[in-house]
C-alpha atoms as a PDB file:
ATOM      1  CA  UNK A   1      54.632 233.970-257.161  1.00  0.00           C
ATOM      2  CA  UNK A   2      57.301 236.653-257.026  1.00  0.00           C
ATOM      3  CA  UNK A   3      54.865 239.516-256.422  1.00  0.00           C
ATOM      4  CA  UNK A   4      53.102 237.730-253.591  1.00  0.00           C
ATOM      5  CA  UNK A   5      54.172 238.376-249.996  1.00  0.00           C
ATOM      6  CA  UNK A   6      54.016 235.795-247.280  1.00  0.00           C
ATOM      7  CA  UNK A   7      52.070 236.454-244.085  1.00  0.00           C
ATOM      8  CA  UNK A   8      55.198 237.136-242.009  1.00  0.00           C
ATOM      9  CA  UNK A   9      56.317 240.022-244.190  1.00  0.00           C
ATOM     10  CA  UNK A  10      52.824 241.528-244.171  1.00  0.00           C
ATOM     11  CA  UNK A  11      52.618 241.334-240.394  1.00  0.00           C
ATOM     12  CA  UNK A  12      56.037 242.920-240.071  1.00  0.00           C
ATOM     13  CA  UNK A  13      54.990 246.003-241.992  1.00  0.00           C
ATOM     14  CA  UNK A  14      51.729 246.581-240.138  1.00  0.00           C
ATOM     15  CA  UNK A  15      51.920 249.798-238.130  1.00  0.00           C
ATOM     16  CA  UNK A  16      51.419 249.794-234.410  1.00  0.00           C
ATOM     17  CA  UNK A  17      47.806 250.273-233.419  1.00  0.00           C
ATOM     18  CA  UNK A  18      47.257 253.887-232.363  1.00  0.00           C
ATOM     19  CA  UNK A  19      45.380 254.330-229.107  1.00  0.00           C
ATOM     20  CA  UNK A  20      41.710 255.251-229.444  1.00  0.00           C
ATOM     21  CA  UNK A  21      41.229 258.984-228.889  1.00  0.00           C
ATOM     22  CA  UNK A  22      39.623 258.652-225.416  1.00  0.00           C
ATOM     23  CA  UNK A  23      42.456 256.343-224.289  1.00  0.00           C
ATOM     24  CA  UNK A  24      45.067 258.743-225.701  1.00  0.00           C
ATOM     25  CA  UNK A  25      43.456 261.589-223.730  1.00  0.00           C
ATOM     26  CA  UNK A  26      43.433 259.443-220.605  1.00  0.00           C
ATOM     27  CA  UNK A  27      47.133 258.635-221.037  1.00  0.00           C
ATOM     28  CA  UNK A  28      47.878 262.329-221.605  1.00  0.00           C
ATOM     29  CA  UNK A  29      46.041 263.249-218.391  1.00  0.00           C
ATOM     30  CA  UNK A  30      48.531 261.227-216.377  1.00  0.00           C
ATOM     31  CA  UNK A  31      51.519 263.363-217.380  1.00  0.00           C
ATOM     32  CA  UNK A  32      52.710 265.316-214.350  1.00  0.00           C
ATOM     33  CA  UNK A  33      55.836 266.893-215.819  1.00  0.00           C
ATOM     34  CA  UNK A  34      57.734 267.058-219.126  1.00  0.00           C
ATOM     35  CA  UNK A  35      61.421 267.928-219.446  1.00  0.00           C
ATOM     36  CA  UNK A  36      63.810 268.059-222.356  1.00  0.00           C
ATOM     37  CA  UNK A  37      67.167 266.320-221.997  1.00  0.00           C
ATOM     38  CA  UNK A  38      70.097 267.539-224.066  1.00  0.00           C
ATOM     39  CA  UNK A  39      72.780 264.836-223.815  1.00  0.00           C
ATOM     40  CA  UNK A  40      76.332 265.550-224.963  1.00  0.00           C
ATOM     41  CA  UNK A  41      76.311 262.644-227.379  1.00  0.00           C
ATOM     42  CA  UNK A  42      72.891 261.833-228.733  1.00  0.00           C
ATOM     43  CA  UNK A  43      69.570 263.241-229.704  1.00  0.00           C
ATOM     44  CA  UNK A  44      67.364 265.449-227.575  1.00  0.00           C
ATOM     45  CA  UNK A  45      64.888 263.411-225.554  1.00  0.00           C
ATOM     46  CA  UNK A  46      61.758 264.210-223.610  1.00  0.00           C
ATOM     47  CA  UNK A  47      61.465 262.792-220.098  1.00  0.00           C
ATOM     48  CA  UNK A  48      58.034 262.547-218.551  1.00  0.00           C
ATOM     49  CA  UNK A  49      56.867 261.977-215.016  1.00  0.00           C
ATOM     50  CA  UNK A  50      53.629 260.034-215.245  1.00  0.00           C
ATOM     51  CA  UNK A  51      51.038 258.679-212.832  1.00  0.00           C
ATOM     52  CA  UNK A  52      47.739 257.049-213.703  1.00  0.00           C
ATOM     53  CA  UNK A  53      44.769 259.381-213.306  1.00  0.00           C
ATOM     54  CA  UNK A  54      42.841 258.777-210.102  1.00  0.00           C
ATOM     55  CA  UNK A  55      39.533 258.334-211.927  1.00  0.00           C
ATOM     56  CA  UNK A  56      39.136 255.848-214.782  1.00  0.00           C
ATOM     57  CA  UNK A  57      35.594 255.246-216.004  1.00  0.00           C
ATOM     58  CA  UNK A  58      34.583 251.627-216.643  1.00  0.00           C
ATOM     59  CA  UNK A  59      33.952 252.228-220.353  1.00  0.00           C
ATOM     60  CA  UNK A  60      37.383 253.774-220.756  1.00  0.00           C
ATOM     61  CA  UNK A  61      38.970 250.942-218.791  1.00  0.00           C
ATOM     62  CA  UNK A  62      37.418 248.435-221.200  1.00  0.00           C
ATOM     63  CA  UNK A  63      38.668 250.439-224.179  1.00  0.00           C
ATOM     64  CA  UNK A  64      42.135 250.650-222.603  1.00  0.00           C
ATOM     65  CA  UNK A  65      42.125 246.878-221.996  1.00  0.00           C
ATOM     66  CA  UNK A  66      41.231 246.261-225.634  1.00  0.00           C
ATOM     67  CA  UNK A  67      44.024 248.550-226.820  1.00  0.00           C
ATOM     68  CA  UNK A  68      46.456 246.880-224.417  1.00  0.00           C
ATOM     69  CA  UNK A  69      45.674 243.471-225.916  1.00  0.00           C
ATOM     70  CA  UNK A  70      46.274 244.873-229.435  1.00  0.00           C
ATOM     71  CA  UNK A  71      49.554 246.368-228.245  1.00  0.00           C
ATOM     72  CA  UNK A  72      50.591 243.061-226.657  1.00  0.00           C
ATOM     73  CA  UNK A  73      50.122 241.358-230.034  1.00  0.00           C
ATOM     74  CA  UNK A  74      52.162 244.060-231.793  1.00  0.00           C
ATOM     75  CA  UNK A  75      54.979 243.754-229.230  1.00  0.00           C
ATOM     76  CA  UNK A  76      55.140 239.960-229.414  1.00  0.00           C
ATOM     77  CA  UNK A  77      58.716 238.752-230.063  1.00  0.00           C
ATOM     78  CA  UNK A  78      59.605 237.757-233.611  1.00  0.00           C
ATOM     79  CA  UNK A  79      59.725 234.142-234.669  1.00  0.00           C
ATOM     80  CA  UNK A  80      63.298 232.901-234.806  1.00  0.00           C
ATOM     81  CA  UNK A  81      63.227 231.916-238.495  1.00  0.00           C
ATOM     82  CA  UNK A  82      61.769 235.229-239.650  1.00  0.00           C
ATOM     83  CA  UNK A  83      64.188 237.144-237.426  1.00  0.00           C
ATOM     84  CA  UNK A  84      67.244 235.312-238.744  1.00  0.00           C
ATOM     85  CA  UNK A  85      66.103 235.726-242.350  1.00  0.00           C
ATOM     86  CA  UNK A  86      65.790 239.471-241.791  1.00  0.00           C
ATOM     87  CA  UNK A  87      69.224 239.735-240.171  1.00  0.00           C
ATOM     88  CA  UNK A  88      70.803 237.604-242.907  1.00  0.00           C
ATOM     89  CA  UNK A  89      69.316 239.922-245.515  1.00  0.00           C
ATOM     90  CA  UNK A  90      70.795 242.940-243.727  1.00  0.00           C
ATOM     91  CA  UNK A  91      74.225 241.389-243.282  1.00  0.00           C
ATOM     92  CA  UNK A  92      74.268 240.309-246.939  1.00  0.00           C
ATOM     93  CA  UNK A  93      74.490 243.983-247.923  1.00  0.00           C
ATOM     94  CA  UNK A  94      77.943 244.179-246.354  1.00  0.00           C
ATOM     95  CA  UNK A  95      81.069 242.334-247.436  1.00  0.00           C
ATOM     96  CA  UNK A  96      82.505 239.887-244.909  1.00  0.00           C
ATOM     97  CA  UNK A  97      84.973 237.033-244.868  1.00  0.00           C
ATOM     98  CA  UNK A  98      83.265 233.624-244.974  1.00  0.00           C
ATOM     99  CA  UNK A  99      83.290 231.568-241.789  1.00  0.00           C
ATOM    100  CA  UNK A 100      83.047 227.809-241.301  1.00  0.00           C
ATOM    101  CA  UNK A 101      79.415 226.588-241.048  1.00  0.00           C
ATOM    102  CA  UNK A 102      79.698 225.892-237.302  1.00  0.00           C
ATOM    103  CA  UNK A 103      80.856 229.448-236.670  1.00  0.00           C
ATOM    104  CA  UNK A 104      78.076 230.847-238.880  1.00  0.00           C
ATOM    105  CA  UNK A 105      75.548 228.842-236.846  1.00  0.00           C
ATOM    106  CA  UNK A 106      76.949 230.199-233.589  1.00  0.00           C
ATOM    107  CA  UNK A 107      76.868 233.754-234.932  1.00  0.00           C
ATOM    108  CA  UNK A 108      73.241 233.265-236.001  1.00  0.00           C
ATOM    109  CA  UNK A 109      72.413 231.924-232.536  1.00  0.00           C
ATOM    110  CA  UNK A 110      73.966 235.028-230.966  1.00  0.00           C
ATOM    111  CA  UNK A 111      71.896 237.333-233.191  1.00  0.00           C
ATOM    112  CA  UNK A 112      68.717 235.361-232.458  1.00  0.00           C
ATOM    113  CA  UNK A 113      69.366 235.367-228.712  1.00  0.00           C
ATOM    114  CA  UNK A 114      70.102 239.085-228.481  1.00  0.00           C
ATOM    115  CA  UNK A 115      67.336 240.283-230.815  1.00  0.00           C
ATOM    116  CA  UNK A 116      64.801 237.590-229.915  1.00  0.00           C
ATOM    117  CA  UNK A 117      62.908 239.775-227.438  1.00  0.00           C
ATOM    118  CA  UNK A 118      61.922 242.324-230.087  1.00  0.00           C
ATOM    119  CA  UNK A 119      58.966 242.229-232.481  1.00  0.00           C
ATOM    120  CA  UNK A 120      59.794 241.776-236.159  1.00  0.00           C
ATOM    121  CA  UNK A 121      58.593 245.271-237.059  1.00  0.00           C
ATOM    122  CA  UNK A 122      61.187 246.753-234.664  1.00  0.00           C
ATOM    123  CA  UNK A 123      63.945 244.606-236.164  1.00  0.00           C
ATOM    124  CA  UNK A 124      62.883 245.654-239.658  1.00  0.00           C
ATOM    125  CA  UNK A 125      62.848 249.304-238.615  1.00  0.00           C
ATOM    126  CA  UNK A 126      66.351 248.942-237.157  1.00  0.00           C
ATOM    127  CA  UNK A 127      67.579 247.212-240.332  1.00  0.00           C
ATOM    128  CA  UNK A 128      66.025 249.903-242.517  1.00  0.00           C
ATOM    129  CA  UNK A 129      67.610 252.661-240.461  1.00  0.00           C
ATOM    130  CA  UNK A 130      71.003 250.940-240.552  1.00  0.00           C
ATOM    131  CA  UNK A 131      70.915 250.376-244.322  1.00  0.00           C
ATOM    132  CA  UNK A 132      70.068 254.003-244.967  1.00  0.00           C
ATOM    133  CA  UNK A 133      72.525 255.638-242.585  1.00  0.00           C
ATOM    134  CA  UNK A 134      75.584 253.390-242.223  1.00  0.00           C
ATOM    135  CA  UNK A 135      78.135 251.943-244.563  1.00  0.00           C
ATOM    136  CA  UNK A 136      79.664 249.243-242.331  1.00  0.00           C
ATOM    137  CA  UNK A 137      78.347 245.923-241.101  1.00  0.00           C
ATOM    138  CA  UNK A 138      76.431 246.334-237.803  1.00  0.00           C
ATOM    139  CA  UNK A 139      77.375 244.816-234.487  1.00  0.00           C
ATOM    140  CA  UNK A 140      74.682 243.095-232.451  1.00  0.00           C
ATOM    141  CA  UNK A 141      74.765 245.765-229.731  1.00  0.00           C
ATOM    142  CA  UNK A 142      74.097 248.491-232.309  1.00  0.00           C
ATOM    143  CA  UNK A 143      71.041 246.662-233.623  1.00  0.00           C
ATOM    144  CA  UNK A 144      69.821 246.026-230.073  1.00  0.00           C
ATOM    145  CA  UNK A 145      70.063 249.777-229.366  1.00  0.00           C
ATOM    146  CA  UNK A 146      68.076 250.598-232.520  1.00  0.00           C
ATOM    147  CA  UNK A 147      65.432 247.996-231.644  1.00  0.00           C
ATOM    148  CA  UNK A 148      65.133 249.356-228.092  1.00  0.00           C
ATOM    149  CA  UNK A 149      64.639 252.818-229.517  1.00  0.00           C
ATOM    150  CA  UNK A 150      61.934 251.506-231.871  1.00  0.00           C
ATOM    151  CA  UNK A 151      59.937 249.826-229.092  1.00  0.00           C
ATOM    152  CA  UNK A 152      60.443 252.476-226.403  1.00  0.00           C
ATOM    153  CA  UNK A 153      57.253 254.456-227.083  1.00  0.00           C
ATOM    154  CA  UNK A 154      54.918 251.444-227.433  1.00  0.00           C
ATOM    155  CA  UNK A 155      56.548 249.774-224.423  1.00  0.00           C
ATOM    156  CA  UNK A 156      55.986 252.922-222.346  1.00  0.00           C
ATOM    157  CA  UNK A 157      52.392 253.013-223.556  1.00  0.00           C
ATOM    158  CA  UNK A 158      51.934 249.353-222.562  1.00  0.00           C
ATOM    159  CA  UNK A 159      53.274 249.998-219.053  1.00  0.00           C
ATOM    160  CA  UNK A 160      51.022 253.022-218.659  1.00  0.00           C
ATOM    161  CA  UNK A 161      47.978 251.095-219.842  1.00  0.00           C
ATOM    162  CA  UNK A 162      48.758 248.341-217.335  1.00  0.00           C
ATOM    163  CA  UNK A 163      49.000 250.960-214.574  1.00  0.00           C
ATOM    164  CA  UNK A 164      45.699 252.512-215.697  1.00  0.00           C
ATOM    165  CA  UNK A 165      43.959 249.156-215.652  1.00  0.00           C
ATOM    166  CA  UNK A 166      45.427 248.336-212.255  1.00  0.00           C
ATOM    167  CA  UNK A 167      44.164 251.679-210.930  1.00  0.00           C
ATOM    168  CA  UNK A 168      40.705 250.986-212.393  1.00  0.00           C
ATOM    169  CA  UNK A 169      40.680 247.517-210.818  1.00  0.00           C
ATOM    170  CA  UNK A 170      41.601 248.893-207.399  1.00  0.00           C
ATOM    171  CA  UNK A 171      38.709 251.367-207.698  1.00  0.00           C
ATOM    172  CA  UNK A 172      36.309 248.503-208.474  1.00  0.00           C
ATOM    173  CA  UNK A 173      37.737 246.187-205.816  1.00  0.00           C
ATOM    174  CA  UNK A 174      38.442 248.069-202.551  1.00  0.00           C
ATOM    175  CA  UNK A 175      39.912 244.934-200.965  1.00  0.00           C
ATOM    176  CA  UNK A 176      42.750 245.028-203.505  1.00  0.00           C
ATOM    177  CA  UNK A 177      43.641 248.563-202.400  1.00  0.00           C
ATOM    178  CA  UNK A 178      43.532 247.556-198.724  1.00  0.00           C
ATOM    179  CA  UNK A 179      45.836 244.612-199.370  1.00  0.00           C
ATOM    180  CA  UNK A 180      48.261 246.864-201.241  1.00  0.00           C
ATOM    181  CA  UNK A 181      48.292 249.396-198.373  1.00  0.00           C
ATOM    182  CA  UNK A 182      48.826 246.620-195.850  1.00  0.00           C
ATOM    183  CA  UNK A 183      51.720 245.213-197.883  1.00  0.00           C
ATOM    184  CA  UNK A 184      53.384 248.616-198.204  1.00  0.00           C
ATOM    185  CA  UNK A 185      53.075 249.320-194.477  1.00  0.00           C
ATOM    186  CA  UNK A 186      54.477 245.891-193.645  1.00  0.00           C
ATOM    187  CA  UNK A 187      57.532 246.389-195.832  1.00  0.00           C
ATOM    188  CA  UNK A 188      58.118 249.889-194.434  1.00  0.00           C
ATOM    189  CA  UNK A 189      58.352 248.407-190.937  1.00  0.00           C
ATOM    190  CA  UNK A 190      60.817 245.687-191.933  1.00  0.00           C
ATOM    191  CA  UNK A 191      64.389 246.961-191.377  1.00  0.00           C
ATOM    192  CA  UNK A 192      66.708 246.779-194.360  1.00  0.00           C
END
């Protein structure tokens, strides 16, 4: 049916799971410093210095672990076929000289290789942004930059959740902390 969507397109449009409120508060507690960056060529960005809070309750650690697993699913790389179909749809909006089939296959392989690390929702977001703001055919590096921008916040959240869970695990398992301290002291003594 024409009005029916396949599962891949439905998954692609699902929003990222927001963190549960207690987890969001816990992530916010780790912010040590916030600064605005005003680059000469680009948009204003906020840089944060972040460290996991020293205390993470077990219930919150479980909630953070659950959210991390949801985030891992949302950040899973796109399937090659779905990714290439999306890129082909984007490139079809722009006029281009036809290439021999072997060259087209190699071009498709390049796109799949360079965008293969990103989830389909990030690729779709990049395609949507390109269609609405540009009038020329995109280069791979431009789409990679847009995809990186799309996944930057969830990727930062994933790294922070991993650090939180590691901190919680070291609180539960003192031997883990001792081993980490021993490793750090050993490497400090080794000359470079």
